[in-house]
Protein backbone atom coordinates (compact mmCIF):
# COMPACT_ATOMS: atom_id res chain seq x y z
CA MET A 1 0.00 0.00 0.00
CA LYS A 2 2.64 2.47 -1.05
CA VAL A 3 1.68 5.67 -2.81
CA GLU A 4 3.41 4.57 -6.00
CA THR A 5 0.86 1.77 -6.45
CA PHE A 6 -2.09 4.16 -6.59
CA MET A 7 -0.66 7.21 -8.31
CA CYS A 8 -1.41 8.28 -11.86
CA ARG A 9 1.81 8.08 -13.85
CA GLN A 10 0.52 10.08 -16.80
CA LEU A 11 1.34 13.70 -16.07
CA TYR A 12 -0.21 16.46 -18.14
CA GLY A 13 1.38 19.86 -17.96
CA VAL A 14 0.85 23.47 -18.89
CA SER A 15 3.15 26.48 -19.02
CA SER A 16 2.70 29.06 -16.29
CA GLY A 17 2.31 31.78 -18.92
CA LYS A 18 -0.68 30.21 -20.67
CA SER A 19 -4.16 31.61 -20.11
CA ALA A 20 -6.68 30.09 -17.73
CA GLN A 21 -8.93 29.56 -20.74
CA TYR A 22 -6.22 27.51 -22.45
CA ALA A 23 -5.76 25.38 -19.33
CA ALA A 24 -9.50 24.82 -19.08
CA GLU A 25 -9.71 23.68 -22.69
CA LYS A 26 -6.75 21.34 -22.22
CA MET A 27 -8.25 19.76 -19.09
CA ASN A 28 -11.55 19.32 -20.91
CA GLU A 29 -9.82 17.74 -23.90
CA LEU A 30 -7.76 15.36 -21.75
CA LYS A 31 -10.65 14.74 -19.31
CA VAL A 32 -8.47 15.44 -16.26
CA GLY A 33 -9.07 17.56 -13.19
CA SER A 34 -5.64 19.14 -12.91
CA LEU A 35 -2.46 20.06 -14.74
CA VAL A 36 1.09 20.28 -13.48
CA VAL A 37 2.45 23.78 -14.09
CA PHE A 38 5.93 24.14 -15.57
CA GLU A 39 8.19 27.13 -15.89
CA GLU A 40 11.52 26.82 -17.66
CA GLY A 41 11.31 23.05 -17.35
CA LYS A 42 10.70 23.05 -13.59
CA VAL A 43 7.51 22.19 -11.73
CA VAL A 44 6.22 25.34 -10.05
CA GLY A 45 2.62 24.48 -9.24
CA ILE A 46 -0.63 22.66 -9.86
CA VAL A 47 -3.74 24.16 -11.41
CA THR A 48 -7.09 22.43 -10.94
CA SER A 49 -10.48 22.72 -12.59
CA ARG A 50 -11.67 24.39 -9.38
CA ASP A 51 -8.94 27.04 -9.72
CA ILE A 52 -9.96 27.67 -13.31
CA ARG A 53 -13.67 27.98 -12.56
CA ALA A 54 -12.92 30.71 -10.01
CA ALA A 55 -10.68 32.69 -12.39
CA HIS A 56 -11.27 35.07 -15.27
CA PRO A 57 -10.45 33.20 -18.52
CA ASN A 58 -7.90 35.84 -19.55
CA ARG A 59 -5.79 35.50 -16.41
CA ILE A 60 -2.65 33.45 -16.78
CA VAL A 61 -2.08 30.11 -15.11
CA ALA A 62 0.64 31.53 -12.83
CA ASP A 63 -1.99 33.76 -11.19
CA VAL A 64 -4.49 31.01 -10.38
CA MET A 65 -2.33 27.94 -9.71
CA THR A 66 -1.31 26.55 -6.34
CA ALA A 67 2.39 27.38 -6.12
CA ASN A 68 4.91 25.07 -4.44
CA PRO A 69 2.48 22.14 -4.31
CA LEU A 70 2.79 19.51 -1.61
CA SER A 71 4.58 16.33 -2.57
CA ILE A 72 5.26 12.91 -1.11
CA HIS A 73 7.78 10.16 -1.82
CA LYS A 74 6.62 7.23 -3.91
CA ASN A 75 7.40 4.77 -1.09
CA ALA A 76 5.31 6.60 1.51
CA PHE A 77 2.41 4.77 3.18
CA ILE A 78 -0.97 5.69 1.66
CA GLY A 79 -2.36 6.49 5.10
CA GLN A 80 0.38 9.09 5.53
CA ALA A 81 -0.44 10.62 2.14
CA LEU A 82 -4.16 10.80 2.89
CA ALA A 83 -3.52 12.35 6.30
CA MET A 84 -1.33 15.01 4.65
CA MET A 85 -4.07 15.88 2.18
CA GLU A 86 -6.76 15.98 4.87
CA GLU A 87 -4.65 18.18 7.14
CA ASN A 88 -3.79 20.64 4.38
CA GLU A 89 -7.20 20.45 2.68
CA VAL A 90 -5.81 19.61 -0.75
CA GLU A 91 -7.07 17.10 -3.27
CA ARG A 92 -3.78 16.06 -4.85
CA LEU A 93 -0.13 15.41 -4.09
CA LEU A 94 2.79 15.24 -6.47
CA VAL A 95 4.62 11.93 -6.17
CA MET A 96 8.39 12.14 -6.08
CA ASP A 97 11.28 9.77 -6.72
CA ASP A 98 14.17 11.64 -5.17
CA HIS A 99 13.86 15.07 -6.85
CA GLU A 100 11.87 13.95 -9.88
CA VAL A 101 8.09 14.20 -10.20
CA ILE A 102 6.86 10.81 -11.41
CA GLY A 103 3.12 11.00 -10.83
CA ILE A 104 0.17 12.46 -9.00
CA VAL A 105 -2.13 10.90 -6.41
CA THR A 106 -5.59 12.10 -5.42
CA ARG A 107 -7.42 12.13 -2.13
CA GLU A 108 -10.41 10.43 -3.77
CA THR A 109 -8.29 7.49 -4.92
CA LEU A 110 -6.73 6.92 -1.50
CA ARG A 111 -10.04 7.30 0.33
CA GLU A 112 -11.54 4.66 -1.92
CA GLU A 113 -8.62 2.28 -1.42
CA ILE A 114 -8.48 2.70 2.35
CA GLY A 115 -12.26 2.33 2.46
CA LYS A 116 -11.84 -1.23 1.19
CA ASN A 117 -9.89 -1.96 4.36
CA ILE A 118 -12.47 -0.63 6.84
CA ASP A 119 -14.53 -3.01 8.98
CA PRO A 120 -18.19 -2.07 8.30
CA LEU A 121 -19.38 -2.81 11.84
CA THR A 122 -16.83 -0.85 13.89
CA GLY A 123 -15.34 1.56 11.37
CA LEU A 124 -11.85 0.36 12.33
CA TYR A 125 -9.23 -0.95 9.94
CA ARG A 126 -9.32 -4.58 8.88
CA ALA A 127 -6.46 -6.94 9.73
CA SER A 128 -5.09 -6.70 6.16
CA TYR A 129 -4.46 -2.96 6.53
CA ILE A 130 -2.78 -3.22 9.91
CA GLU A 131 -0.58 -6.04 8.61
CA TYR A 132 0.64 -3.82 5.81
CA LEU A 133 1.24 -0.99 8.26
CA TYR A 134 3.29 -3.29 10.50
CA ASN A 135 5.46 -4.39 7.58
CA PHE A 136 5.83 -0.80 6.36
CA LEU A 137 7.02 0.42 9.77
CA VAL A 138 9.49 -2.47 9.97
CA GLU A 139 10.78 -1.66 6.49
CA GLN A 140 11.18 2.02 7.43
CA GLN A 141 12.76 1.07 10.79
CA THR A 142 10.20 3.26 12.58
CA ARG A 143 9.85 2.39 16.26
CA PHE A 144 6.34 1.27 17.26
CA HIS A 145 4.43 -0.75 19.84
CA LEU A 146 1.66 -3.33 19.50
CA PHE A 147 -1.35 -4.07 21.70
CA PHE A 148 -3.60 -7.11 21.29
CA LEU A 149 -7.00 -6.80 22.99
CA ASP A 150 -9.42 -9.68 23.51
CA LEU A 151 -12.88 -9.15 25.04
CA ASN A 152 -13.62 -11.40 27.99
CA ASN A 153 -16.67 -13.68 28.01
CA PHE A 154 -17.93 -12.28 24.72
CA GLY A 155 -19.45 -15.63 23.77
CA GLU A 156 -21.53 -15.57 26.93
CA ILE A 157 -22.70 -12.02 26.17
CA ASN A 158 -23.87 -13.18 22.74
CA LYS A 159 -25.73 -16.15 24.23
CA LYS A 160 -27.35 -14.19 27.03
CA TYR A 161 -28.26 -10.96 25.23
CA SER A 162 -28.25 -11.93 21.50
CA HIS A 163 -25.79 -11.44 18.65
CA ILE A 164 -27.32 -8.06 17.84
CA PHE A 165 -26.47 -6.87 21.33
CA GLY A 166 -23.01 -8.40 20.94
CA ASN A 167 -22.46 -6.32 17.80
CA GLU A 168 -23.49 -3.22 19.74
CA VAL A 169 -20.92 -4.10 22.39
CA LEU A 170 -18.20 -4.40 19.73
CA THR A 171 -19.16 -1.02 18.27
CA HIS A 172 -19.23 0.58 21.72
CA PHE A 173 -15.82 -0.86 22.52
CA ALA A 174 -14.40 0.34 19.18
CA ASN A 175 -15.72 3.84 19.87
CA ARG A 176 -14.06 3.78 23.28
CA LEU A 177 -10.73 2.94 21.63
CA LYS A 178 -11.19 5.79 19.16
CA GLU A 179 -11.72 8.21 22.05
CA ILE A 180 -8.40 7.42 23.71
CA CYS A 181 -6.35 7.24 20.53
CA GLN A 182 -4.64 10.05 18.68
CA ASP A 183 -2.59 10.72 15.56
CA GLY A 184 0.00 7.99 15.21
CA ASP A 185 -2.31 5.32 16.67
CA TYR A 186 -3.83 2.74 14.34
CA LEU A 187 -6.84 0.69 15.39
CA CYS A 188 -7.85 -2.61 13.88
CA ARG A 189 -10.60 -5.12 14.42
CA TYR A 190 -8.44 -8.18 14.01
CA GLY A 191 -11.38 -10.58 13.97
CA GLY A 192 -14.45 -11.40 16.03
CA ASP A 193 -13.90 -9.87 19.47
CA GLU A 194 -10.15 -9.28 19.01
CA PHE A 195 -8.58 -5.90 18.32
CA VAL A 196 -5.07 -4.69 17.54
CA VAL A 197 -3.60 -1.25 18.19
CA ILE A 198 -0.30 -0.11 16.71
CA THR A 199 1.10 3.10 18.12
CA LYS A 200 4.22 5.22 17.64
CA ARG A 201 3.85 6.99 21.01
CA GLU A 202 6.88 7.89 23.06
CA GLN A 203 7.91 5.63 25.93
CA SER A 204 6.78 8.26 28.46
CA GLU A 205 3.21 8.08 27.13
CA LEU A 206 2.84 4.33 26.95
CA GLN A 207 1.98 3.52 30.56
CA PHE A 208 -0.83 6.08 30.68
CA PHE A 209 -2.15 4.87 27.32
CA TYR A 210 -1.98 1.27 28.58
CA GLU A 211 -3.92 2.14 31.75
CA GLN A 212 -6.53 3.98 29.73
CA MET A 213 -6.91 0.99 27.48
CA LYS A 214 -7.32 -1.47 30.35
CA ARG A 215 -9.99 0.56 32.14
CA PRO A 216 -13.25 -1.50 32.34
CA ILE A 217 -16.30 -0.07 30.62
CA ALA A 218 -19.99 -0.89 30.48
CA TYR A 219 -22.70 -0.89 27.85
CA LYS A 220 -26.35 -0.73 28.91
CA ASN A 221 -25.39 -1.83 32.41
CA VAL A 222 -23.45 -4.82 31.11
CA ALA A 223 -19.80 -4.81 32.21
CA ILE A 224 -17.26 -5.15 29.42
CA SER A 225 -13.82 -6.35 30.37
CA PHE A 226 -10.94 -7.40 28.18
CA SER A 227 -7.42 -8.74 28.31
CA VAL A 228 -4.43 -6.98 26.81
CA GLY A 229 -1.21 -8.35 25.36
CA PHE A 230 1.43 -5.66 24.95
CA LEU A 231 4.65 -5.70 22.94
CA ASN A 232 6.78 -2.68 23.79
CA GLY A 233 8.89 -1.85 20.74
CA ASN A 234 11.65 -0.58 23.00
CA LEU A 235 11.92 -3.97 24.71
CA HIS A 236 10.83 -6.35 21.97
CA ASP A 237 12.72 -6.31 18.68
CA LEU A 238 9.70 -6.05 16.41
CA PHE A 239 11.99 -5.31 13.48
CA ALA A 240 13.24 -8.88 13.70
CA LYS A 241 9.78 -10.46 13.89
CA SER A 242 7.16 -11.07 11.25
CA TYR A 243 3.67 -9.69 11.66
CA GLU A 244 2.35 -13.20 12.34
CA GLU A 245 4.98 -13.81 15.02
CA SER A 246 4.21 -10.58 16.83
CA ILE A 247 0.45 -11.13 16.69
CA ARG A 248 0.89 -14.65 18.02
CA GLU A 249 3.08 -13.45 20.88
CA ALA A 250 0.77 -10.58 21.81
CA SER A 251 -2.25 -12.90 21.62
CA LEU A 252 -0.60 -15.35 24.01
CA LEU A 253 0.13 -12.51 26.42
CA SER A 254 -3.53 -11.48 26.37
CA THR A 255 -4.54 -15.10 27.03
CA LYS A 256 -2.21 -15.21 30.02
CA ALA A 257 -3.66 -11.94 31.29
CA LYS A 258 -7.14 -13.41 30.96
CA PHE A 259 -6.09 -16.52 32.92
CA TYR A 260 -4.51 -14.47 35.71
CA ALA A 261 -7.65 -12.33 35.96
CA LYS A 262 -9.77 -15.46 36.48
CA GLU A 263 -7.41 -16.75 39.15
CA ARG A 264 -7.81 -13.62 41.26
């Protein structure tokens, strides 16, 4: 899920000195929503159909374009690219390979792709997305931590209150996780009543985050408890482990936590 996979490689350009009317006609002819703006062979901006609609047709492209457009490296994670566009309220990013522009990626394309990896019940990422994220962070040698959460007695909740109620519990729990998470935290419904959180938080924040996560909650007067398996990236060499190995280890830790809780 690198940006390069989803970018458009065909770049259409226009000179900064051309008229807005010329740019509009070219976009219409090519059936594209934007043009890369060049000046003396260098990329100096992007002009979009929205820019053109707001401009007088006789103005030149240099006056209506977005100068110094945002760009991202071709190997960047698509979630990072989408977050950049959302934060800066732009619809497109230039895609770079070192100092060369090799394509363009749109917010619409990435939203659609990431949407395929969203669990429809909870609104969290699916396991496939979090697996790619794990591998991407390992590849980039970016320090991170992994939590594996398993709801306790969820089967009994389903039997006693119905599967519909059980789904409501899962949604409520997912919303609770969203509330305590921030930028740099990635939430996943791993499967059934199991959840995974990957975070890049600093060591000083981890204990508080862990305590927040472990805090029992309730839904319609039904107590919801869960067990947590935690792999601290500063203590566990996640770079040397596969995604499957880390999930297995964290899952076993959550099972042990569940056993110890029953023994108390």
